Full PDB file with SEQRES, HELIX, SHEET, SSBOND, CRYST1, ORIGX, SCALE, CONECT and MASTER records, all heavy atoms in Angstrom:
SEQRES   1 A   37  ASN ILE LEU ALA PRO ILE TYR LYS ARG LEU ASN LEU ASN          
SEQRES   2 A   37  ASN ASN GLN ASN SER ARG GLU SER ASP TYR ARG VAL TYR          
SEQRES   3 A   37  TRP PHE THR ARG ASN GLN ARG ILE LEU ASP SER                  
HELIX    1 AA1 GLU A   20  ASP A   22  5                                   3    
HELIX    2 AA2 ARG A   24  ASP A   36  1                                  13    
SHEET    1 AA1 2 ARG A   9  LEU A  12  0                                        
SHEET    2 AA1 2 ASN A  15  ARG A  19 -1                                        
CRYST1    1.000    1.000    1.000  90.00  90.00  90.00 P 1           1          
ORIGX1      1.000000  0.000000  0.000000        0.00000                         
ORIGX2      0.000000  1.000000  0.000000        0.00000                         
ORIGX3      0.000000  0.000000  1.000000        0.00000                         
SCALE1      1.000000  0.000000  0.000000        0.00000                         
SCALE2      0.000000  1.000000  0.000000        0.00000                         
SCALE3      0.000000  0.000000  1.000000        0.00000                         
ATOM      1  N   ASN A   1      30.334  20.299  41.638  1.00  0.00           N  
ATOM      2  CA  ASN A   1      29.854  21.461  42.374  1.00  0.00           C  
ATOM      3  C   ASN A   1      28.770  22.101  41.513  1.00  0.00           C  
ATOM      4  O   ASN A   1      29.065  22.646  40.441  1.00  0.00           O  
ATOM      5  CB  ASN A   1      30.998  22.448  42.632  1.00  0.00           C  
ATOM      6  CG  ASN A   1      30.549  23.656  43.427  1.00  0.00           C  
ATOM      7  OD1 ASN A   1      29.471  24.197  43.234  1.00  0.00           O  
ATOM      8  ND2 ASN A   1      31.395  24.100  44.342  1.00  0.00           N  
ATOM      9  N   ILE A   2      27.530  22.029  41.969  1.00  0.00           N  
ATOM     10  CA  ILE A   2      26.407  22.439  41.115  1.00  0.00           C  
ATOM     11  C   ILE A   2      26.008  23.897  41.325  1.00  0.00           C  
ATOM     12  O   ILE A   2      25.007  24.349  40.760  1.00  0.00           O  
ATOM     13  CB  ILE A   2      25.188  21.522  41.319  1.00  0.00           C  
ATOM     14  CG1 ILE A   2      24.724  21.530  42.774  1.00  0.00           C  
ATOM     15  CG2 ILE A   2      25.525  20.100  40.880  1.00  0.00           C  
ATOM     16  CD1 ILE A   2      23.446  20.715  43.010  1.00  0.00           C  
ATOM     17  N   LEU A   3      26.779  24.648  42.098  1.00  0.00           N  
ATOM     18  CA  LEU A   3      26.580  26.079  42.313  1.00  0.00           C  
ATOM     19  C   LEU A   3      25.190  26.387  42.867  1.00  0.00           C  
ATOM     20  O   LEU A   3      24.210  26.506  42.139  1.00  0.00           O  
ATOM     21  CB  LEU A   3      26.799  26.871  41.009  1.00  0.00           C  
ATOM     22  CG  LEU A   3      26.650  28.390  41.092  1.00  0.00           C  
ATOM     23  CD1 LEU A   3      27.504  28.974  42.188  1.00  0.00           C  
ATOM     24  CD2 LEU A   3      27.022  29.018  39.752  1.00  0.00           C  
ATOM     25  N   ALA A   4      25.106  26.529  44.167  1.00  0.00           N  
ATOM     26  CA  ALA A   4      23.826  26.803  44.823  1.00  0.00           C  
ATOM     27  C   ALA A   4      23.224  28.106  44.318  1.00  0.00           C  
ATOM     28  O   ALA A   4      23.927  29.113  44.173  1.00  0.00           O  
ATOM     29  CB  ALA A   4      24.023  26.866  46.339  1.00  0.00           C  
ATOM     30  N   PRO A   5      21.936  28.117  44.036  1.00  0.00           N  
ATOM     31  CA  PRO A   5      21.280  29.337  43.549  1.00  0.00           C  
ATOM     32  C   PRO A   5      21.443  30.539  44.475  1.00  0.00           C  
ATOM     33  O   PRO A   5      21.385  31.684  44.013  1.00  0.00           O  
ATOM     34  CB  PRO A   5      19.810  28.909  43.448  1.00  0.00           C  
ATOM     35  CG  PRO A   5      19.872  27.442  43.176  1.00  0.00           C  
ATOM     36  CD  PRO A   5      21.038  26.954  44.002  1.00  0.00           C  
ATOM     37  N   ILE A   6      21.641  30.309  45.761  1.00  0.00           N  
ATOM     38  CA  ILE A   6      21.838  31.440  46.680  1.00  0.00           C  
ATOM     39  C   ILE A   6      23.175  32.129  46.439  1.00  0.00           C  
ATOM     40  O   ILE A   6      23.400  33.249  46.919  1.00  0.00           O  
ATOM     41  CB  ILE A   6      21.745  30.983  48.153  1.00  0.00           C  
ATOM     42  CG1 ILE A   6      22.680  29.807  48.422  1.00  0.00           C  
ATOM     43  CG2 ILE A   6      20.318  30.645  48.530  1.00  0.00           C  
ATOM     44  CD1 ILE A   6      22.710  29.344  49.874  1.00  0.00           C  
ATOM     45  N   TYR A   7      24.095  31.485  45.703  1.00  0.00           N  
ATOM     46  CA  TYR A   7      25.386  32.077  45.390  1.00  0.00           C  
ATOM     47  C   TYR A   7      25.492  32.542  43.934  1.00  0.00           C  
ATOM     48  O   TYR A   7      26.360  33.355  43.604  1.00  0.00           O  
ATOM     49  CB  TYR A   7      26.518  31.081  45.650  1.00  0.00           C  
ATOM     50  CG  TYR A   7      26.555  30.562  47.063  1.00  0.00           C  
ATOM     51  CD1 TYR A   7      26.724  29.205  47.327  1.00  0.00           C  
ATOM     52  CD2 TYR A   7      26.419  31.431  48.150  1.00  0.00           C  
ATOM     53  CE1 TYR A   7      26.754  28.724  48.630  1.00  0.00           C  
ATOM     54  CE2 TYR A   7      26.441  30.957  49.453  1.00  0.00           C  
ATOM     55  CZ  TYR A   7      26.614  29.603  49.681  1.00  0.00           C  
ATOM     56  OH  TYR A   7      26.637  29.140  50.969  1.00  0.00           O  
ATOM     57  N   LYS A   8      24.649  32.024  43.071  1.00  0.00           N  
ATOM     58  CA  LYS A   8      24.755  32.340  41.650  1.00  0.00           C  
ATOM     59  C   LYS A   8      24.171  33.725  41.368  1.00  0.00           C  
ATOM     60  O   LYS A   8      22.979  33.981  41.599  1.00  0.00           O  
ATOM     61  CB  LYS A   8      24.026  31.294  40.803  1.00  0.00           C  
ATOM     62  CG  LYS A   8      24.132  31.539  39.300  1.00  0.00           C  
ATOM     63  CD  LYS A   8      23.544  30.391  38.502  1.00  0.00           C  
ATOM     64  CE  LYS A   8      23.489  30.705  37.012  1.00  0.00           C  
ATOM     65  NZ  LYS A   8      24.816  31.013  36.457  1.00  0.00           N  
ATOM     66  N   ARG A   9      25.012  34.606  40.869  1.00  0.00           N  
ATOM     67  CA  ARG A   9      24.582  35.967  40.556  1.00  0.00           C  
ATOM     68  C   ARG A   9      24.017  36.047  39.140  1.00  0.00           C  
ATOM     69  O   ARG A   9      24.533  35.423  38.209  1.00  0.00           O  
ATOM     70  CB  ARG A   9      25.750  36.948  40.696  1.00  0.00           C  
ATOM     71  CG  ARG A   9      26.188  37.181  42.132  1.00  0.00           C  
ATOM     72  CD  ARG A   9      27.304  38.206  42.209  1.00  0.00           C  
ATOM     73  NE  ARG A   9      27.603  38.599  43.576  1.00  0.00           N  
ATOM     74  CZ  ARG A   9      28.418  37.946  44.391  1.00  0.00           C  
ATOM     75  NH1 ARG A   9      29.020  36.829  43.966  1.00  0.00           N  
ATOM     76  NH2 ARG A   9      28.632  38.368  45.612  1.00  0.00           N  
ATOM     77  N   LEU A  10      22.967  36.840  38.996  1.00  0.00           N  
ATOM     78  CA  LEU A  10      22.358  37.090  37.699  1.00  0.00           C  
ATOM     79  C   LEU A  10      22.415  38.593  37.414  1.00  0.00           C  
ATOM     80  O   LEU A  10      22.127  39.406  38.293  1.00  0.00           O  
ATOM     81  CB  LEU A  10      20.899  36.637  37.682  1.00  0.00           C  
ATOM     82  CG  LEU A  10      20.621  35.163  37.983  1.00  0.00           C  
ATOM     83  CD1 LEU A  10      19.116  34.928  38.022  1.00  0.00           C  
ATOM     84  CD2 LEU A  10      21.267  34.268  36.941  1.00  0.00           C  
ATOM     85  N   ASN A  11      22.783  38.942  36.206  1.00  0.00           N  
ATOM     86  CA  ASN A  11      22.811  40.346  35.816  1.00  0.00           C  
ATOM     87  C   ASN A  11      21.489  40.670  35.121  1.00  0.00           C  
ATOM     88  O   ASN A  11      21.368  40.622  33.903  1.00  0.00           O  
ATOM     89  CB  ASN A  11      23.994  40.615  34.886  1.00  0.00           C  
ATOM     90  CG  ASN A  11      24.176  42.101  34.612  1.00  0.00           C  
ATOM     91  OD1 ASN A  11      23.472  42.937  35.176  1.00  0.00           O  
ATOM     92  ND2 ASN A  11      25.126  42.425  33.748  1.00  0.00           N  
ATOM     93  N   LEU A  12      20.462  40.971  35.939  1.00  0.00           N  
ATOM     94  CA  LEU A  12      19.130  41.249  35.417  1.00  0.00           C  
ATOM     95  C   LEU A  12      18.787  42.715  35.634  1.00  0.00           C  
ATOM     96  O   LEU A  12      18.945  43.250  36.740  1.00  0.00           O  
ATOM     97  CB  LEU A  12      18.093  40.378  36.128  1.00  0.00           C  
ATOM     98  CG  LEU A  12      18.250  38.856  35.966  1.00  0.00           C  
ATOM     99  CD1 LEU A  12      17.201  38.139  36.791  1.00  0.00           C  
ATOM    100  CD2 LEU A  12      18.146  38.461  34.503  1.00  0.00           C  
ATOM    101  N   ASN A  13      18.335  43.361  34.555  1.00  0.00           N  
ATOM    102  CA  ASN A  13      17.955  44.773  34.632  1.00  0.00           C  
ATOM    103  C   ASN A  13      19.075  45.629  35.217  1.00  0.00           C  
ATOM    104  O   ASN A  13      18.838  46.515  36.048  1.00  0.00           O  
ATOM    105  CB  ASN A  13      16.682  44.934  35.473  1.00  0.00           C  
ATOM    106  CG  ASN A  13      15.512  44.150  34.910  1.00  0.00           C  
ATOM    107  OD1 ASN A  13      15.322  44.107  33.684  1.00  0.00           O  
ATOM    108  ND2 ASN A  13      14.740  43.517  35.775  1.00  0.00           N  
ATOM    109  N   ASN A  14      20.315  45.291  34.770  1.00  0.00           N  
ATOM    110  CA  ASN A  14      21.510  46.015  35.222  1.00  0.00           C  
ATOM    111  C   ASN A  14      21.741  45.911  36.725  1.00  0.00           C  
ATOM    112  O   ASN A  14      22.433  46.735  37.318  1.00  0.00           O  
ATOM    113  CB  ASN A  14      21.424  47.494  34.825  1.00  0.00           C  
ATOM    114  CG  ASN A  14      21.450  47.678  33.319  1.00  0.00           C  
ATOM    115  OD1 ASN A  14      22.190  46.985  32.624  1.00  0.00           O  
ATOM    116  ND2 ASN A  14      20.628  48.603  32.821  1.00  0.00           N  
ATOM    117  N   ASN A  15      21.155  44.901  37.344  1.00  0.00           N  
ATOM    118  CA  ASN A  15      21.363  44.664  38.772  1.00  0.00           C  
ATOM    119  C   ASN A  15      22.246  43.433  38.929  1.00  0.00           C  
ATOM    120  O   ASN A  15      21.775  42.303  38.825  1.00  0.00           O  
ATOM    121  CB  ASN A  15      20.031  44.457  39.481  1.00  0.00           C  
ATOM    122  CG  ASN A  15      20.216  44.220  40.979  1.00  0.00           C  
ATOM    123  OD1 ASN A  15      21.319  44.350  41.512  1.00  0.00           O  
ATOM    124  ND2 ASN A  15      19.128  43.867  41.653  1.00  0.00           N  
ATOM    125  N   GLN A  16      23.521  43.652  39.179  1.00  0.00           N  
ATOM    126  CA  GLN A  16      24.470  42.551  39.266  1.00  0.00           C  
ATOM    127  C   GLN A  16      24.383  41.806  40.595  1.00  0.00           C  
ATOM    128  O   GLN A  16      25.050  40.799  40.787  1.00  0.00           O  
ATOM    129  CB  GLN A  16      25.894  43.071  39.059  1.00  0.00           C  
ATOM    130  CG  GLN A  16      26.143  43.635  37.669  1.00  0.00           C  
ATOM    131  CD  GLN A  16      27.574  44.077  37.461  1.00  0.00           C  
ATOM    132  OE1 GLN A  16      28.380  44.045  38.389  1.00  0.00           O  
ATOM    133  NE2 GLN A  16      27.887  44.480  36.249  1.00  0.00           N  
ATOM    134  N   ASN A  17      23.571  42.288  41.517  1.00  0.00           N  
ATOM    135  CA  ASN A  17      23.424  41.625  42.811  1.00  0.00           C  
ATOM    136  C   ASN A  17      22.235  40.673  42.855  1.00  0.00           C  
ATOM    137  O   ASN A  17      21.938  40.102  43.899  1.00  0.00           O  
ATOM    138  CB  ASN A  17      23.282  42.676  43.918  1.00  0.00           C  
ATOM    139  CG  ASN A  17      24.564  43.461  44.125  1.00  0.00           C  
ATOM    140  OD1 ASN A  17      25.653  42.893  44.076  1.00  0.00           O  
ATOM    141  ND2 ASN A  17      24.441  44.761  44.347  1.00  0.00           N  
ATOM    142  N   SER A  18      21.541  40.501  41.724  1.00  0.00           N  
ATOM    143  CA  SER A  18      20.426  39.563  41.688  1.00  0.00           C  
ATOM    144  C   SER A  18      20.947  38.148  41.879  1.00  0.00           C  
ATOM    145  O   SER A  18      21.989  37.778  41.328  1.00  0.00           O  
ATOM    146  CB  SER A  18      19.690  39.675  40.349  1.00  0.00           C  
ATOM    147  OG  SER A  18      19.133  40.956  40.187  1.00  0.00           O  
ATOM    148  N   ARG A  19      20.226  37.354  42.641  1.00  0.00           N  
ATOM    149  CA  ARG A  19      20.600  35.971  42.869  1.00  0.00           C  
ATOM    150  C   ARG A  19      19.590  35.041  42.196  1.00  0.00           C  
ATOM    151  O   ARG A  19      18.390  35.324  42.174  1.00  0.00           O  
ATOM    152  CB  ARG A  19      20.654  35.665  44.372  1.00  0.00           C  
ATOM    153  CG  ARG A  19      21.686  36.491  45.146  1.00  0.00           C  
ATOM    154  CD  ARG A  19      23.111  36.212  44.706  1.00  0.00           C  
ATOM    155  NE  ARG A  19      24.080  37.053  45.368  1.00  0.00           N  
ATOM    156  CZ  ARG A  19      24.967  36.620  46.250  1.00  0.00           C  
ATOM    157  NH1 ARG A  19      24.998  35.337  46.577  1.00  0.00           N  
ATOM    158  NH2 ARG A  19      25.825  37.447  46.800  1.00  0.00           N  
ATOM    159  N   GLU A  20      20.102  33.944  41.702  1.00  0.00           N  
ATOM    160  CA  GLU A  20      19.245  32.988  41.014  1.00  0.00           C  
ATOM    161  C   GLU A  20      18.156  32.451  41.935  1.00  0.00           C  
ATOM    162  O   GLU A  20      17.053  32.111  41.480  1.00  0.00           O  
ATOM    163  CB  GLU A  20      20.082  31.826  40.470  1.00  0.00           C  
ATOM    164  CG  GLU A  20      19.309  30.864  39.591  1.00  0.00           C  
ATOM    165  CD  GLU A  20      20.122  29.639  39.229  1.00  0.00           C  
ATOM    166  OE1 GLU A  20      20.588  28.948  40.168  1.00  0.00           O  
ATOM    167  OE2 GLU A  20      20.284  29.374  38.028  1.00  0.00           O  
ATOM    168  N   SER A  21      18.441  32.378  43.221  1.00  0.00           N  
ATOM    169  CA  SER A  21      17.472  31.835  44.176  1.00  0.00           C  
ATOM    170  C   SER A  21      16.175  32.635  44.222  1.00  0.00           C  
ATOM    171  O   SER A  21      15.142  32.125  44.682  1.00  0.00           O  
ATOM    172  CB  SER A  21      18.092  31.776  45.576  1.00  0.00           C  
ATOM    173  OG  SER A  21      18.619  33.043  45.957  1.00  0.00           O  
ATOM    174  N   ASP A  22      16.197  33.879  43.752  1.00  0.00           N  
ATOM    175  CA  ASP A  22      14.998  34.721  43.744  1.00  0.00           C  
ATOM    176  C   ASP A  22      14.122  34.494  42.522  1.00  0.00           C  
ATOM    177  O   ASP A  22      13.030  35.070  42.437  1.00  0.00           O  
ATOM    178  CB  ASP A  22      15.399  36.204  43.812  1.00  0.00           C  
ATOM    179  CG  ASP A  22      16.107  36.558  45.114  1.00  0.00           C  
ATOM    180  OD1 ASP A  22      15.740  35.969  46.156  1.00  0.00           O  
ATOM    181  OD2 ASP A  22      17.021  37.401  45.088  1.00  0.00           O  
ATOM    182  N   TYR A  23      14.575  33.690  41.578  1.00  0.00           N  
ATOM    183  CA  TYR A  23      13.853  33.492  40.325  1.00  0.00           C  
ATOM    184  C   TYR A  23      13.707  31.993  40.065  1.00  0.00           C  
ATOM    185  O   TYR A  23      14.612  31.343  39.540  1.00  0.00           O  
ATOM    186  CB  TYR A  23      14.594  34.169  39.168  1.00  0.00           C  
ATOM    187  CG  TYR A  23      14.781  35.653  39.367  1.00  0.00           C  
ATOM    188  CD1 TYR A  23      15.908  36.149  40.028  1.00  0.00           C  
ATOM    189  CD2 TYR A  23      13.822  36.568  38.939  1.00  0.00           C  
ATOM    190  CE1 TYR A  23      16.088  37.499  40.236  1.00  0.00           C  
ATOM    191  CE2 TYR A  23      13.982  37.933  39.136  1.00  0.00           C  
ATOM    192  CZ  TYR A  23      15.116  38.381  39.788  1.00  0.00           C  
ATOM    193  OH  TYR A  23      15.278  39.751  39.989  1.00  0.00           O  
ATOM    194  N   ARG A  24      12.547  31.458  40.443  1.00  0.00           N  
ATOM    195  CA  ARG A  24      12.329  30.018  40.359  1.00  0.00           C  
ATOM    196  C   ARG A  24      12.570  29.464  38.970  1.00  0.00           C  
ATOM    197  O   ARG A  24      13.156  28.380  38.812  1.00  0.00           O  
ATOM    198  CB  ARG A  24      10.909  29.673  40.797  1.00  0.00           C  
ATOM    199  CG  ARG A  24      10.604  28.168  40.751  1.00  0.00           C  
ATOM    200  CD  ARG A  24       9.156  27.870  41.119  1.00  0.00           C  
ATOM    201  NE  ARG A  24       8.902  26.440  41.086  1.00  0.00           N  
ATOM    202  CZ  ARG A  24       8.607  25.761  39.981  1.00  0.00           C  
ATOM    203  NH1 ARG A  24       8.550  26.396  38.807  1.00  0.00           N  
ATOM    204  NH2 ARG A  24       8.380  24.458  40.037  1.00  0.00           N  
ATOM    205  N   VAL A  25      12.152  30.151  37.958  1.00  0.00           N  
ATOM    206  CA  VAL A  25      12.278  29.622  36.601  1.00  0.00           C  
ATOM    207  C   VAL A  25      13.736  29.359  36.233  1.00  0.00           C  
ATOM    208  O   VAL A  25      14.048  28.402  35.524  1.00  0.00           O  
ATOM    209  CB  VAL A  25      11.620  30.581  35.574  1.00  0.00           C  
ATOM    210  CG1 VAL A  25      12.349  31.937  35.523  1.00  0.00           C  
ATOM    211  CG2 VAL A  25      11.577  29.939  34.189  1.00  0.00           C  
ATOM    212  N   TYR A  26      14.654  30.176  36.768  1.00  0.00           N  
ATOM    213  CA  TYR A  26      16.079  30.009  36.449  1.00  0.00           C  
ATOM    214  C   TYR A  26      16.675  28.809  37.199  1.00  0.00           C  
ATOM    215  O   TYR A  26      17.292  27.932  36.599  1.00  0.00           O  
ATOM    216  CB  TYR A  26      16.853  31.280  36.803  1.00  0.00           C  
ATOM    217  CG  TYR A  26      16.608  32.428  35.840  1.00  0.00           C  
ATOM    218  CD1 TYR A  26      15.755  33.472  36.178  1.00  0.00           C  
ATOM    219  CD2 TYR A  26      17.237  32.465  34.590  1.00  0.00           C  
ATOM    220  CE1 TYR A  26      15.522  34.520  35.306  1.00  0.00           C  
ATOM    221  CE2 TYR A  26      17.013  33.516  33.718  1.00  0.00           C  
ATOM    222  CZ  TYR A  26      16.146  34.539  34.078  1.00  0.00           C  
ATOM    223  OH  TYR A  26      15.916  35.563  33.201  1.00  0.00           O  
ATOM    224  N   TRP A  27      16.506  28.814  38.560  1.00  0.00           N  
ATOM    225  CA  TRP A  27      17.140  27.723  39.298  1.00  0.00           C  
ATOM    226  C   TRP A  27      16.476  26.387  39.040  1.00  0.00           C  
ATOM    227  O   TRP A  27      17.133  25.345  38.994  1.00  0.00           O  
ATOM    228  CB  TRP A  27      17.221  28.018  40.784  1.00  0.00           C  
ATOM    229  CG  TRP A  27      15.932  28.162  41.559  1.00  0.00           C  
ATOM    230  CD1 TRP A  27      15.385  29.309  42.029  1.00  0.00           C  
ATOM    231  CD2 TRP A  27      15.063  27.104  42.012  1.00  0.00           C  
ATOM    232  NE1 TRP A  27      14.224  29.065  42.727  1.00  0.00           N  
ATOM    233  CE2 TRP A  27      14.010  27.717  42.740  1.00  0.00           C  
ATOM    234  CE3 TRP A  27      15.072  25.726  41.879  1.00  0.00           C  
ATOM    235  CZ2 TRP A  27      12.963  26.987  43.322  1.00  0.00           C  
ATOM    236  CZ3 TRP A  27      14.040  24.990  42.454  1.00  0.00           C  
ATOM    237  CH2 TRP A  27      13.005  25.606  43.157  1.00  0.00           C  
ATOM    238  N   PHE A  28      15.149  26.385  38.808  1.00  0.00           N  
ATOM    239  CA  PHE A  28      14.452  25.131  38.545  1.00  0.00           C  
ATOM    240  C   PHE A  28      14.911  24.530  37.217  1.00  0.00           C  
ATOM    241  O   PHE A  28      15.247  23.338  37.147  1.00  0.00           O  
ATOM    242  CB  PHE A  28      12.935  25.381  38.523  1.00  0.00           C  
ATOM    243  CG  PHE A  28      12.130  24.131  38.342  1.00  0.00           C  
ATOM    244  CD1 PHE A  28      11.738  23.376  39.436  1.00  0.00           C  
ATOM    245  CD2 PHE A  28      11.742  23.708  37.074  1.00  0.00           C  
ATOM    246  CE1 PHE A  28      10.986  22.221  39.275  1.00  0.00           C  
ATOM    247  CE2 PHE A  28      10.999  22.553  36.901  1.00  0.00           C  
ATOM    248  CZ  PHE A  28      10.620  21.810  38.004  1.00  0.00           C  
ATOM    249  N   THR A  29      14.980  25.359  36.191  1.00  0.00           N  
ATOM    250  CA  THR A  29      15.389  24.871  34.864  1.00  0.00           C  
ATOM    251  C   THR A  29      16.833  24.392  34.871  1.00  0.00           C  
ATOM    252  O   THR A  29      17.158  23.337  34.325  1.00  0.00           O  
ATOM    253  CB  THR A  29      15.225  25.990  33.821  1.00  0.00           C  
ATOM    254  OG1 THR A  29      13.857  26.416  33.806  1.00  0.00           O  
ATOM    255  CG2 THR A  29      15.617  25.498  32.434  1.00  0.00           C  
ATOM    256  N   ARG A  30      17.713  25.151  35.512  1.00  0.00           N  
ATOM    257  CA  ARG A  30      19.136  24.767  35.525  1.00  0.00           C  
ATOM    258  C   ARG A  30      19.338  23.452  36.278  1.00  0.00           C  
ATOM    259  O   ARG A  30      20.087  22.579  35.825  1.00  0.00           O  
ATOM    260  CB  ARG A  30      19.982  25.873  36.170  1.00  0.00           C  
ATOM    261  CG  ARG A  30      21.476  25.580  36.158  1.00  0.00           C  
ATOM    262  CD  ARG A  30      22.296  26.794  36.555  1.00  0.00           C  
ATOM    263  NE  ARG A  30      22.116  27.153  37.944  1.00  0.00           N  
ATOM    264  CZ  ARG A  30      22.846  26.676  38.956  1.00  0.00           C  
ATOM    265  NH1 ARG A  30      23.808  25.790  38.711  1.00  0.00           N  
ATOM    266  NH2 ARG A  30      22.628  27.073  40.188  1.00  0.00           N  
ATOM    267  N   ASN A  31      18.668  23.272  37.391  1.00  0.00           N  
ATOM    268  CA  ASN A  31      18.849  22.042  38.159  1.00  0.00           C  
ATOM    269  C   ASN A  31      18.181  20.843  37.492  1.00  0.00           C  
ATOM    270  O   ASN A  31      18.655  19.710  37.652  1.00  0.00           O  
ATOM    271  CB  ASN A  31      18.338  22.232  39.588  1.00  0.00           C  
ATOM    272  CG  ASN A  31      19.349  22.941  40.466  1.00  0.00           C  
ATOM    273  OD1 ASN A  31      20.238  22.323  41.031  1.00  0.00           O  
ATOM    274  ND2 ASN A  31      19.233  24.267  40.548  1.00  0.00           N  
ATOM    275  N   GLN A  32      17.126  21.061  36.726  1.00  0.00           N  
ATOM    276  CA  GLN A  32      16.578  19.964  35.934  1.00  0.00           C  
ATOM    277  C   GLN A  32      17.594  19.504  34.889  1.00  0.00           C  
ATOM    278  O   GLN A  32      17.749  18.291  34.655  1.00  0.00           O  
ATOM    279  CB  GLN A  32      15.270  20.395  35.243  1.00  0.00           C  
ATOM    280  CG  GLN A  32      14.073  20.528  36.160  1.00  0.00           C  
ATOM    281  CD  GLN A  32      13.491  19.177  36.582  1.00  0.00           C  
ATOM    282  OE1 GLN A  32      14.120  18.134  36.399  1.00  0.00           O  
ATOM    283  NE2 GLN A  32      12.306  19.190  37.167  1.00  0.00           N  
ATOM    284  N   ARG A  33      18.315  20.460  34.296  1.00  0.00           N  
ATOM    285  CA  ARG A  33      19.344  20.096  33.313  1.00  0.00           C  
ATOM    286  C   ARG A  33      20.499  19.354  33.990  1.00  0.00           C  
ATOM    287  O   ARG A  33      21.071  18.426  33.410  1.00  0.00           O  
ATOM    288  CB  ARG A  33      19.863  21.342  32.598  1.00  0.00           C  
ATOM    289  CG  ARG A  33      18.844  21.997  31.673  1.00  0.00           C  
ATOM    290  CD  ARG A  33      19.532  22.877  30.635  1.00  0.00           C  
ATOM    291  NE  ARG A  33      20.398  23.866  31.237  1.00  0.00           N  
ATOM    292  CZ  ARG A  33      20.022  25.101  31.573  1.00  0.00           C  
ATOM    293  NH1 ARG A  33      18.766  25.485  31.358  1.00  0.00           N  
ATOM    294  NH2 ARG A  33      20.871  25.950  32.101  1.00  0.00           N  
ATOM    295  N   ILE A  34      20.852  19.788  35.184  1.00  0.00           N  
ATOM    296  CA  ILE A  34      21.911  19.092  35.929  1.00  0.00           C  
ATOM    297  C   ILE A  34      21.495  17.642  36.185  1.00  0.00           C  
ATOM    298  O   ILE A  34      22.285  16.709  35.972  1.00  0.00           O  
ATOM    299  CB  ILE A  34      22.210  19.816  37.257  1.00  0.00           C  
ATOM    300  CG1 ILE A  34      22.907  21.152  36.996  1.00  0.00           C  
ATOM    301  CG2 ILE A  34      23.078  18.942  38.174  1.00  0.00           C  
ATOM    302  CD1 ILE A  34      23.054  22.030  38.226  1.00  0.00           C  
ATOM    303  N   LEU A  35      20.271  17.440  36.621  1.00  0.00           N  
ATOM    304  CA  LEU A  35      19.780  16.089  36.870  1.00  0.00           C  
ATOM    305  C   LEU A  35      19.728  15.262  35.588  1.00  0.00           C  
ATOM    306  O   LEU A  35      20.065  14.069  35.586  1.00  0.00           O  
ATOM    307  CB  LEU A  35      18.403  16.145  37.526  1.00  0.00           C  
ATOM    308  CG  LEU A  35      18.421  16.401  39.039  1.00  0.00           C  
ATOM    309  CD1 LEU A  35      17.055  16.861  39.533  1.00  0.00           C  
ATOM    310  CD2 LEU A  35      18.858  15.159  39.787  1.00  0.00           C  
ATOM    311  N   ASP A  36      19.326  15.892  34.488  1.00  0.00           N  
ATOM    312  CA  ASP A  36      19.321  15.187  33.196  1.00  0.00           C  
ATOM    313  C   ASP A  36      20.717  14.672  32.878  1.00  0.00           C  
ATOM    314  O   ASP A  36      20.897  13.529  32.438  1.00  0.00           O  
ATOM    315  CB  ASP A  36      18.860  16.124  32.069  1.00  0.00           C  
ATOM    316  CG  ASP A  36      17.383  16.476  32.161  1.00  0.00           C  
ATOM    317  OD1 ASP A  36      16.639  15.747  32.853  1.00  0.00           O  
ATOM    318  OD2 ASP A  36      16.979  17.482  31.538  1.00  0.00           O  
ATOM    319  N   SER A  37      21.722  15.518  33.101  1.00  0.00           N  
ATOM    320  CA  SER A  37      23.104  15.141  32.809  1.00  0.00           C  
ATOM    321  C   SER A  37      23.571  14.016  33.728  1.00  0.00           C  
ATOM    322  O   SER A  37      24.206  13.049  33.286  1.00  0.00           O  
ATOM    323  CB  SER A  37      24.020  16.358  32.956  1.00  0.00           C  
ATOM    324  OG  SER A  37      25.358  16.025  32.714  1.00  0.00           O  
TER     325      SER A  37                                                      
MASTER        0    0    0    2    2    0    0    6  324    1    0    3          
END                                                                             
């Protein structure tokens, strides 16, 4: 289960409702690492 970015919460700027899907650099980098693995 690779955790879809639309569900992954990020605590950015004290905003706990931020989703990874809104920040390409986060979801792109994480999924590249998943593919590497």
